[in-house]
Amino acid sequence: WYYNKTPVELKNPKNTYVYVLDPMLATGNSSV
């Protein structure tokens, strides 16, 4: 890790939709 701009807490966690964008899913380590 070198940067994390995610919120400390989600305002509405049960109604939050997240789309993670990463062109390559290789080992899956960073994805997890």
PDB file of all heavy atoms in Angstrom:
ATOM      1  N   TRP A   1       0.829  -1.210   0.000  1.00  0.00           N
ATOM      2  CA  TRP A   1       0.000   0.000   0.000  1.00  0.00           C
ATOM      3  C   TRP A   1       0.862   1.258   0.000  1.00  0.00           C
ATOM      4  O   TRP A   1       1.896   1.312   0.658  1.00  0.00           O
ATOM      5  CB  TRP A   1      -0.895   0.036   1.240  1.00  0.00           C
ATOM      6  CG  TRP A   1      -2.069  -0.877   1.174  1.00  0.00           C
ATOM      7  CD1 TRP A   1      -2.141  -2.177   1.588  1.00  0.00           C
ATOM      8  CD2 TRP A   1      -3.368  -0.552   0.658  1.00  0.00           C
ATOM      9  NE1 TRP A   1      -3.394  -2.687   1.363  1.00  0.00           N
ATOM     10  CE2 TRP A   1      -4.169  -1.714   0.805  1.00  0.00           C
ATOM     11  CE3 TRP A   1      -3.937   0.597   0.109  1.00  0.00           C
ATOM     12  CZ2 TRP A   1      -5.501  -1.752   0.407  1.00  0.00           C
ATOM     13  CZ3 TRP A   1      -5.255   0.564  -0.284  1.00  0.00           C
ATOM     14  CH2 TRP A   1      -6.032  -0.593  -0.142  1.00  0.00           C
ATOM     15  N   TYR A   2       0.428   2.292  -0.745  1.00  0.00           N
ATOM     16  CA  TYR A   2       1.075   3.590  -0.639  1.00  0.00           C
ATOM     17  C   TYR A   2       0.072   4.742  -0.657  1.00  0.00           C
ATOM     18  O   TYR A   2       0.429   5.885  -0.405  1.00  0.00           O
ATOM     19  CB  TYR A   2       2.125   3.790  -1.739  1.00  0.00           C
ATOM     20  CG  TYR A   2       1.570   3.847  -3.147  1.00  0.00           C
ATOM     21  CD1 TYR A   2       1.161   5.054  -3.718  1.00  0.00           C
ATOM     22  CD2 TYR A   2       1.495   2.700  -3.930  1.00  0.00           C
ATOM     23  CE1 TYR A   2       0.676   5.104  -5.019  1.00  0.00           C
ATOM     24  CE2 TYR A   2       1.018   2.746  -5.222  1.00  0.00           C
ATOM     25  CZ  TYR A   2       0.607   3.952  -5.763  1.00  0.00           C
ATOM     26  OH  TYR A   2       0.114   3.993  -7.049  1.00  0.00           O
ATOM     27  N   TYR A   3      -1.224   4.445  -0.898  1.00  0.00           N
ATOM     28  CA  TYR A   3      -2.225   5.522  -0.927  1.00  0.00           C
ATOM     29  C   TYR A   3      -3.605   4.933  -0.706  1.00  0.00           C
ATOM     30  O   TYR A   3      -3.941   3.881  -1.270  1.00  0.00           O
ATOM     31  CB  TYR A   3      -2.184   6.241  -2.279  1.00  0.00           C
ATOM     32  CG  TYR A   3      -3.023   7.495  -2.362  1.00  0.00           C
ATOM     33  CD1 TYR A   3      -2.613   8.676  -1.741  1.00  0.00           C
ATOM     34  CD2 TYR A   3      -4.230   7.503  -3.050  1.00  0.00           C
ATOM     35  CE1 TYR A   3      -3.378   9.826  -1.818  1.00  0.00           C
ATOM     36  CE2 TYR A   3      -5.002   8.665  -3.133  1.00  0.00           C
ATOM     37  CZ  TYR A   3      -4.569   9.818  -2.517  1.00  0.00           C
ATOM     38  OH  TYR A   3      -5.329  10.957  -2.589  1.00  0.00           O
ATOM     39  N   ASN A   4      -4.409   5.596   0.130  1.00  0.00           N
ATOM     40  CA  ASN A   4      -5.767   5.128   0.417  1.00  0.00           C
ATOM     41  C   ASN A   4      -6.672   6.331   0.606  1.00  0.00           C
ATOM     42  O   ASN A   4      -6.569   7.049   1.605  1.00  0.00           O
ATOM     43  CB  ASN A   4      -5.762   4.250   1.671  1.00  0.00           C
ATOM     44  CG  ASN A   4      -7.154   3.774   2.053  1.00  0.00           C
ATOM     45  OD1 ASN A   4      -8.135   4.027   1.359  1.00  0.00           O
ATOM     46  ND2 ASN A   4      -7.253   3.079   3.172  1.00  0.00           N
ATOM     47  N   LYS A   5      -7.545   6.557  -0.369  1.00  0.00           N
ATOM     48  CA  LYS A   5      -8.445   7.708  -0.310  1.00  0.00           C
ATOM     49  C   LYS A   5      -9.883   7.262  -0.043  1.00  0.00           C
ATOM     50  O   LYS A   5     -10.832   7.965  -0.363  1.00  0.00           O
ATOM     51  CB  LYS A   5      -8.366   8.493  -1.637  1.00  0.00           C
ATOM     52  CG  LYS A   5      -8.963   9.893  -1.583  1.00  0.00           C
ATOM     53  CD  LYS A   5      -8.300  10.781  -0.545  1.00  0.00           C
ATOM     54  CE  LYS A   5      -8.907  12.184  -0.582  1.00  0.00           C
ATOM     55  NZ  LYS A   5      -8.362  13.031   0.492  1.00  0.00           N
ATOM     56  N   THR A   6     -10.060   6.093   0.559  1.00  0.00           N
ATOM     57  CA  THR A   6     -11.404   5.636   0.891  1.00  0.00           C
ATOM     58  C   THR A   6     -11.869   6.323   2.175  1.00  0.00           C
ATOM     59  O   THR A   6     -11.046   6.717   3.005  1.00  0.00           O
ATOM     60  CB  THR A   6     -11.457   4.116   1.088  1.00  0.00           C
ATOM     61  OG1 THR A   6     -10.564   3.753   2.149  1.00  0.00           O
ATOM     62  CG2 THR A   6     -11.037   3.402  -0.180  1.00  0.00           C
ATOM     63  N   PRO A   7     -13.188   6.470   2.352  1.00  0.00           N
ATOM     64  CA  PRO A   7     -13.679   7.118   3.573  1.00  0.00           C
ATOM     65  C   PRO A   7     -13.414   6.257   4.807  1.00  0.00           C
ATOM     66  O   PRO A   7     -13.388   5.023   4.721  1.00  0.00           O
ATOM     67  CB  PRO A   7     -15.185   7.260   3.312  1.00  0.00           C
ATOM     68  CG  PRO A   7     -15.503   6.186   2.318  1.00  0.00           C
ATOM     69  CD  PRO A   7     -14.279   6.058   1.452  1.00  0.00           C
ATOM     70  N   VAL A   8     -13.218   6.907   5.942  1.00  0.00           N
ATOM     71  CA  VAL A   8     -13.007   6.170   7.186  1.00  0.00           C
ATOM     72  C   VAL A   8     -14.242   5.334   7.500  1.00  0.00           C
ATOM     73  O   VAL A   8     -14.152   4.177   7.890  1.00  0.00           O
ATOM     74  CB  VAL A   8     -12.705   7.142   8.348  1.00  0.00           C
ATOM     75  CG1 VAL A   8     -12.594   6.375   9.667  1.00  0.00           C
ATOM     76  CG2 VAL A   8     -11.415   7.907   8.074  1.00  0.00           C
ATOM     77  N   GLU A   9     -15.425   5.928   7.312  1.00  0.00           N
ATOM     78  CA  GLU A   9     -16.685   5.231   7.506  1.00  0.00           C
ATOM     79  C   GLU A   9     -17.594   5.501   6.312  1.00  0.00           C
ATOM     80  O   GLU A   9     -17.531   6.570   5.700  1.00  0.00           O
ATOM     81  CB  GLU A   9     -17.378   5.690   8.787  1.00  0.00           C
ATOM     82  CG  GLU A   9     -16.627   5.349  10.065  1.00  0.00           C
ATOM     83  CD  GLU A   9     -17.384   5.799  11.306  1.00  0.00           C
ATOM     84  OE1 GLU A   9     -18.459   6.417  11.152  1.00  0.00           O
ATOM     85  OE2 GLU A   9     -16.901   5.529  12.424  1.00  0.00           O
ATOM     86  N   LEU A  10     -18.446   4.542   5.975  1.00  0.00           N
ATOM     87  CA  LEU A  10     -19.434   4.731   4.928  1.00  0.00           C
ATOM     88  C   LEU A  10     -20.681   5.361   5.537  1.00  0.00           C
ATOM     89  O   LEU A  10     -21.133   4.960   6.613  1.00  0.00           O
ATOM     90  CB  LEU A  10     -19.789   3.396   4.269  1.00  0.00           C
ATOM     91  CG  LEU A  10     -18.639   2.660   3.572  1.00  0.00           C
ATOM     92  CD1 LEU A  10     -19.120   1.307   3.069  1.00  0.00           C
ATOM     93  CD2 LEU A  10     -18.079   3.482   2.423  1.00  0.00           C
ATOM     94  N   LYS A  11     -21.248   6.361   4.859  1.00  0.00           N
ATOM     95  CA  LYS A  11     -22.432   7.045   5.386  1.00  0.00           C
ATOM     96  C   LYS A  11     -23.634   6.111   5.452  1.00  0.00           C
ATOM     97  O   LYS A  11     -24.428   6.172   6.379  1.00  0.00           O
ATOM     98  CB  LYS A  11     -22.766   8.255   4.499  1.00  0.00           C
ATOM     99  CG  LYS A  11     -21.736   9.365   4.519  1.00  0.00           C
ATOM    100  CD  LYS A  11     -22.161  10.540   3.666  1.00  0.00           C
ATOM    101  CE  LYS A  11     -22.251  10.160   2.198  1.00  0.00           C
ATOM    102  NZ  LYS A  11     -22.627  11.314   1.333  1.00  0.00           N
ATOM    103  N   ASN A  12     -23.749   5.269   4.450  1.00  0.00           N
ATOM    104  CA  ASN A  12     -24.907   4.388   4.350  1.00  0.00           C
ATOM    105  C   ASN A  12     -24.435   3.032   3.844  1.00  0.00           C
ATOM    106  O   ASN A  12     -24.673   2.668   2.695  1.00  0.00           O
ATOM    107  CB  ASN A  12     -25.937   5.012   3.398  1.00  0.00           C
ATOM    108  CG  ASN A  12     -27.243   4.253   3.361  1.00  0.00           C
ATOM    109  OD1 ASN A  12     -27.445   3.315   4.131  1.00  0.00           O
ATOM    110  ND2 ASN A  12     -28.114   4.642   2.453  1.00  0.00           N
ATOM    111  N   PRO A  13     -23.751   2.258   4.684  1.00  0.00           N
ATOM    112  CA  PRO A  13     -23.075   1.035   4.212  1.00  0.00           C
ATOM    113  C   PRO A  13     -23.979   0.020   3.531  1.00  0.00           C
ATOM    114  O   PRO A  13     -23.554  -0.639   2.581  1.00  0.00           O
ATOM    115  CB  PRO A  13     -22.448   0.457   5.488  1.00  0.00           C
ATOM    116  CG  PRO A  13     -23.120   1.130   6.622  1.00  0.00           C
ATOM    117  CD  PRO A  13     -23.547   2.474   6.127  1.00  0.00           C
ATOM    118  N   LYS A  14     -25.212  -0.131   3.972  1.00  0.00           N
ATOM    119  CA  LYS A  14     -26.102  -1.134   3.390  1.00  0.00           C
ATOM    120  C   LYS A  14     -26.640  -0.708   2.027  1.00  0.00           C
ATOM    121  O   LYS A  14     -27.147  -1.529   1.265  1.00  0.00           O
ATOM    122  CB  LYS A  14     -27.275  -1.424   4.342  1.00  0.00           C
ATOM    123  CG  LYS A  14     -26.846  -1.956   5.705  1.00  0.00           C
ATOM    124  CD  LYS A  14     -25.986  -3.211   5.581  1.00  0.00           C
ATOM    125  CE  LYS A  14     -25.578  -3.741   6.952  1.00  0.00           C
ATOM    126  NZ  LYS A  14     -24.672  -4.903   6.850  1.00  0.00           N
ATOM    127  N   ASN A  15     -26.520   0.577   1.705  1.00  0.00           N
ATOM    128  CA  ASN A  15     -26.981   1.069   0.405  1.00  0.00           C
ATOM    129  C   ASN A  15     -25.825   1.727  -0.351  1.00  0.00           C
ATOM    130  O   ASN A  15     -26.004   2.717  -1.046  1.00  0.00           O
ATOM    131  CB  ASN A  15     -28.142   2.051   0.576  1.00  0.00           C
ATOM    132  CG  ASN A  15     -28.957   2.225  -0.707  1.00  0.00           C
ATOM    133  OD1 ASN A  15     -28.954   1.369  -1.592  1.00  0.00           O
ATOM    134  ND2 ASN A  15     -29.650   3.341  -0.816  1.00  0.00           N
ATOM    135  N   THR A  16     -24.624   1.152  -0.169  1.00  0.00           N
ATOM    136  CA  THR A  16     -23.434   1.624  -0.867  1.00  0.00           C
ATOM    137  C   THR A  16     -23.051   0.625  -1.957  1.00  0.00           C
ATOM    138  O   THR A  16     -23.046  -0.589  -1.721  1.00  0.00           O
ATOM    139  CB  THR A  16     -22.255   1.797   0.115  1.00  0.00           C
ATOM    140  OG1 THR A  16     -22.576   2.819   1.055  1.00  0.00           O
ATOM    141  CG2 THR A  16     -20.974   2.173  -0.613  1.00  0.00           C
ATOM    142  N   TYR A  17     -22.738   1.136  -3.124  1.00  0.00           N
ATOM    143  CA  TYR A  17     -22.353   0.300  -4.273  1.00  0.00           C
ATOM    144  C   TYR A  17     -20.953   0.723  -4.705  1.00  0.00           C
ATOM    145  O   TYR A  17     -20.713   1.895  -4.997  1.00  0.00           O
ATOM    146  CB  TYR A  17     -23.352   0.463  -5.424  1.00  0.00           C
ATOM    147  CG  TYR A  17     -24.700  -0.125  -5.100  1.00  0.00           C
ATOM    148  CD1 TYR A  17     -25.586   0.550  -4.264  1.00  0.00           C
ATOM    149  CD2 TYR A  17     -25.087  -1.369  -5.585  1.00  0.00           C
ATOM    150  CE1 TYR A  17     -26.823   0.004  -3.926  1.00  0.00           C
ATOM    151  CE2 TYR A  17     -26.325  -1.924  -5.255  1.00  0.00           C
ATOM    152  CZ  TYR A  17     -27.176  -1.231  -4.427  1.00  0.00           C
ATOM    153  OH  TYR A  17     -28.393  -1.777  -4.092  1.00  0.00           O
ATOM    154  N   VAL A  18     -20.033  -0.233  -4.727  1.00  0.00           N
ATOM    155  CA  VAL A  18     -18.637   0.052  -5.037  1.00  0.00           C
ATOM    156  C   VAL A  18     -18.223  -0.676  -6.312  1.00  0.00           C
ATOM    157  O   VAL A  18     -18.542  -1.862  -6.504  1.00  0.00           O
ATOM    158  CB  VAL A  18     -17.711  -0.371  -3.874  1.00  0.00           C
ATOM    159  CG1 VAL A  18     -16.243  -0.204  -4.256  1.00  0.00           C
ATOM    160  CG2 VAL A  18     -18.028   0.441  -2.622  1.00  0.00           C
ATOM    161  N   TYR A  19     -17.495   0.044  -7.173  1.00  0.00           N
ATOM    162  CA  TYR A  19     -16.984  -0.533  -8.424  1.00  0.00           C
ATOM    163  C   TYR A  19     -15.461  -0.363  -8.424  1.00  0.00           C
ATOM    164  O   TYR A  19     -14.952   0.746  -8.596  1.00  0.00           O
ATOM    165  CB  TYR A  19     -17.632   0.162  -9.623  1.00  0.00           C
ATOM    166  CG  TYR A  19     -19.129  -0.018  -9.608  1.00  0.00           C
ATOM    167  CD1 TYR A  19     -19.944   0.890  -8.921  1.00  0.00           C
ATOM    168  CD2 TYR A  19     -19.732  -1.121 -10.199  1.00  0.00           C
ATOM    169  CE1 TYR A  19     -21.321   0.699  -8.850  1.00  0.00           C
ATOM    170  CE2 TYR A  19     -21.108  -1.320 -10.135  1.00  0.00           C
ATOM    171  CZ  TYR A  19     -21.885  -0.403  -9.455  1.00  0.00           C
ATOM    172  OH  TYR A  19     -23.247  -0.602  -9.369  1.00  0.00           O
ATOM    173  N   VAL A  20     -14.764  -1.462  -8.181  1.00  0.00           N
ATOM    174  CA  VAL A  20     -13.304  -1.452  -8.151  1.00  0.00           C
ATOM    175  C   VAL A  20     -12.790  -1.660  -9.572  1.00  0.00           C
ATOM    176  O   VAL A  20     -13.192  -2.612 -10.253  1.00  0.00           O
ATOM    177  CB  VAL A  20     -12.754  -2.547  -7.224  1.00  0.00           C
ATOM    178  CG1 VAL A  20     -11.227  -2.544  -7.229  1.00  0.00           C
ATOM    179  CG2 VAL A  20     -13.274  -2.354  -5.798  1.00  0.00           C
ATOM    180  N   LEU A  21     -11.907  -0.779 -10.010  1.00  0.00           N
ATOM    181  CA  LEU A  21     -11.417  -0.809 -11.386  1.00  0.00           C
ATOM    182  C   LEU A  21      -9.932  -1.165 -11.404  1.00  0.00           C
ATOM    183  O   LEU A  21      -9.101  -0.439 -10.854  1.00  0.00           O
ATOM    184  CB  LEU A  21     -11.623   0.561 -12.047  1.00  0.00           C
ATOM    185  CG  LEU A  21     -12.994   1.233 -11.865  1.00  0.00           C
ATOM    186  CD1 LEU A  21     -13.004   2.590 -12.559  1.00  0.00           C
ATOM    187  CD2 LEU A  21     -14.108   0.343 -12.384  1.00  0.00           C
ATOM    188  N   ASP A  22      -9.609  -2.284 -12.012  1.00  0.00           N
ATOM    189  CA  ASP A  22      -8.221  -2.705 -12.157  1.00  0.00           C
ATOM    190  C   ASP A  22      -8.128  -3.571 -13.411  1.00  0.00           C
ATOM    191  O   ASP A  22      -8.724  -4.649 -13.451  1.00  0.00           O
ATOM    192  CB  ASP A  22      -7.777  -3.508 -10.927  1.00  0.00           C
ATOM    193  CG  ASP A  22      -6.275  -3.752 -10.907  1.00  0.00           C
ATOM    194  OD1 ASP A  22      -5.575  -3.253 -11.802  1.00  0.00           O
ATOM    195  OD2 ASP A  22      -5.809  -4.446  -9.984  1.00  0.00           O
ATOM    196  N   PRO A  23      -7.420  -3.108 -14.447  1.00  0.00           N
ATOM    197  CA  PRO A  23      -7.421  -3.841 -15.719  1.00  0.00           C
ATOM    198  C   PRO A  23      -7.029  -5.303 -15.637  1.00  0.00           C
ATOM    199  O   PRO A  23      -7.516  -6.120 -16.409  1.00  0.00           O
ATOM    200  CB  PRO A  23      -6.430  -3.046 -16.575  1.00  0.00           C
ATOM    201  CG  PRO A  23      -6.527  -1.655 -16.048  1.00  0.00           C
ATOM    202  CD  PRO A  23      -6.709  -1.821 -14.565  1.00  0.00           C
ATOM    203  N   MET A  24      -6.141  -5.676 -14.701  1.00  0.00           N
ATOM    204  CA  MET A  24      -5.639  -7.043 -14.668  1.00  0.00           C
ATOM    205  C   MET A  24      -5.948  -7.710 -13.327  1.00  0.00           C
ATOM    206  O   MET A  24      -5.551  -7.215 -12.269  1.00  0.00           O
ATOM    207  CB  MET A  24      -4.122  -7.052 -14.894  1.00  0.00           C
ATOM    208  CG  MET A  24      -3.673  -6.250 -16.112  1.00  0.00           C
ATOM    209  SD  MET A  24      -4.286  -6.896 -17.672  1.00  0.00           S
ATOM    210  CE  MET A  24      -3.155  -8.251 -17.923  1.00  0.00           C
ATOM    211  N   LEU A  25      -6.642  -8.837 -13.380  1.00  0.00           N
ATOM    212  CA  LEU A  25      -6.855  -9.670 -12.194  1.00  0.00           C
ATOM    213  C   LEU A  25      -5.931 -10.875 -12.355  1.00  0.00           C
ATOM    214  O   LEU A  25      -6.274 -11.855 -13.002  1.00  0.00           O
ATOM    215  CB  LEU A  25      -8.316 -10.107 -12.090  1.00  0.00           C
ATOM    216  CG  LEU A  25      -8.681 -11.129 -11.016  1.00  0.00           C
ATOM    217  CD1 LEU A  25      -8.180 -10.702  -9.649  1.00  0.00           C
ATOM    218  CD2 LEU A  25     -10.179 -11.378 -10.997  1.00  0.00           C
ATOM    219  N   ALA A  26      -4.734 -10.778 -11.783  1.00  0.00           N
ATOM    220  CA  ALA A  26      -3.703 -11.808 -11.973  1.00  0.00           C
ATOM    221  C   ALA A  26      -3.646 -12.749 -10.767  1.00  0.00           C
ATOM    222  O   ALA A  26      -4.361 -13.732 -10.707  1.00  0.00           O
ATOM    223  CB  ALA A  26      -2.355 -11.144 -12.231  1.00  0.00           C
ATOM    224  N   THR A  27      -2.810 -12.431  -9.779  1.00  0.00           N
ATOM    225  CA  THR A  27      -2.726 -13.286  -8.595  1.00  0.00           C
ATOM    226  C   THR A  27      -3.956 -13.150  -7.709  1.00  0.00           C
ATOM    227  O   THR A  27      -4.298 -14.068  -6.965  1.00  0.00           O
ATOM    228  CB  THR A  27      -1.489 -12.935  -7.754  1.00  0.00           C
ATOM    229  OG1 THR A  27      -1.617 -11.590  -7.267  1.00  0.00           O
ATOM    230  CG2 THR A  27      -0.215 -13.062  -8.577  1.00  0.00           C
ATOM    231  N   GLY A  28      -4.599 -11.989  -7.772  1.00  0.00           N
ATOM    232  CA  GLY A  28      -5.761 -11.736  -6.922  1.00  0.00           C
ATOM    233  C   GLY A  28      -5.402 -11.162  -5.561  1.00  0.00           C
ATOM    234  O   GLY A  28      -6.287 -10.836  -4.768  1.00  0.00           O
ATOM    235  N   ASN A  29      -4.110 -10.991  -5.269  1.00  0.00           N
ATOM    236  CA  ASN A  29      -3.693 -10.507  -3.956  1.00  0.00           C
ATOM    237  C   ASN A  29      -4.161  -9.067  -3.687  1.00  0.00           C
ATOM    238  O   ASN A  29      -4.723  -8.780  -2.629  1.00  0.00           O
ATOM    239  CB  ASN A  29      -2.166 -10.593  -3.820  1.00  0.00           C
ATOM    240  CG  ASN A  29      -1.675 -12.025  -3.802  1.00  0.00           C
ATOM    241  OD1 ASN A  29      -2.388 -12.938  -3.392  1.00  0.00           O
ATOM    242  ND2 ASN A  29      -0.449 -12.253  -4.260  1.00  0.00           N
ATOM    243  N   SER A  30      -3.912  -8.170  -4.639  1.00  0.00           N
ATOM    244  CA  SER A  30      -4.342  -6.785  -4.439  1.00  0.00           C
ATOM    245  C   SER A  30      -5.866  -6.674  -4.460  1.00  0.00           C
ATOM    246  O   SER A  30      -6.452  -5.828  -3.772  1.00  0.00           O
ATOM    247  CB  SER A  30      -3.726  -5.873  -5.514  1.00  0.00           C
ATOM    248  OG  SER A  30      -4.138  -6.258  -6.809  1.00  0.00           O
ATOM    249  N   SER A  31      -6.511  -7.548  -5.223  1.00  0.00           N
ATOM    250  CA  SER A  31      -7.980  -7.551  -5.288  1.00  0.00           C
ATOM    251  C   SER A  31      -8.574  -7.877  -3.925  1.00  0.00           C
ATOM    252  O   SER A  31      -9.502  -7.207  -3.458  1.00  0.00           O
ATOM    253  CB  SER A  31      -8.461  -8.570  -6.321  1.00  0.00           C
ATOM    254  OG  SER A  31      -7.814  -8.390  -7.552  1.00  0.00           O
ATOM    255  N   VAL A  32      -8.060  -8.917  -3.286  1.00  0.00           N
ATOM    256  CA  VAL A  32      -8.563  -9.324  -1.967  1.00  0.00           C
ATOM    257  C   VAL A  32      -8.327  -8.215  -0.946  1.00  0.00           C
ATOM    258  O   VAL A  32      -9.197  -7.918  -0.118  1.00  0.00           O
ATOM    259  CB  VAL A  32      -7.887 -10.639  -1.522  1.00  0.00           C
ATOM    260  CG1 VAL A  32      -8.184 -10.938  -0.054  1.00  0.00           C
ATOM    261  CG2 VAL A  32      -8.369 -11.786  -2.404  1.00  0.00           C
TER     262      VAL A  32
END
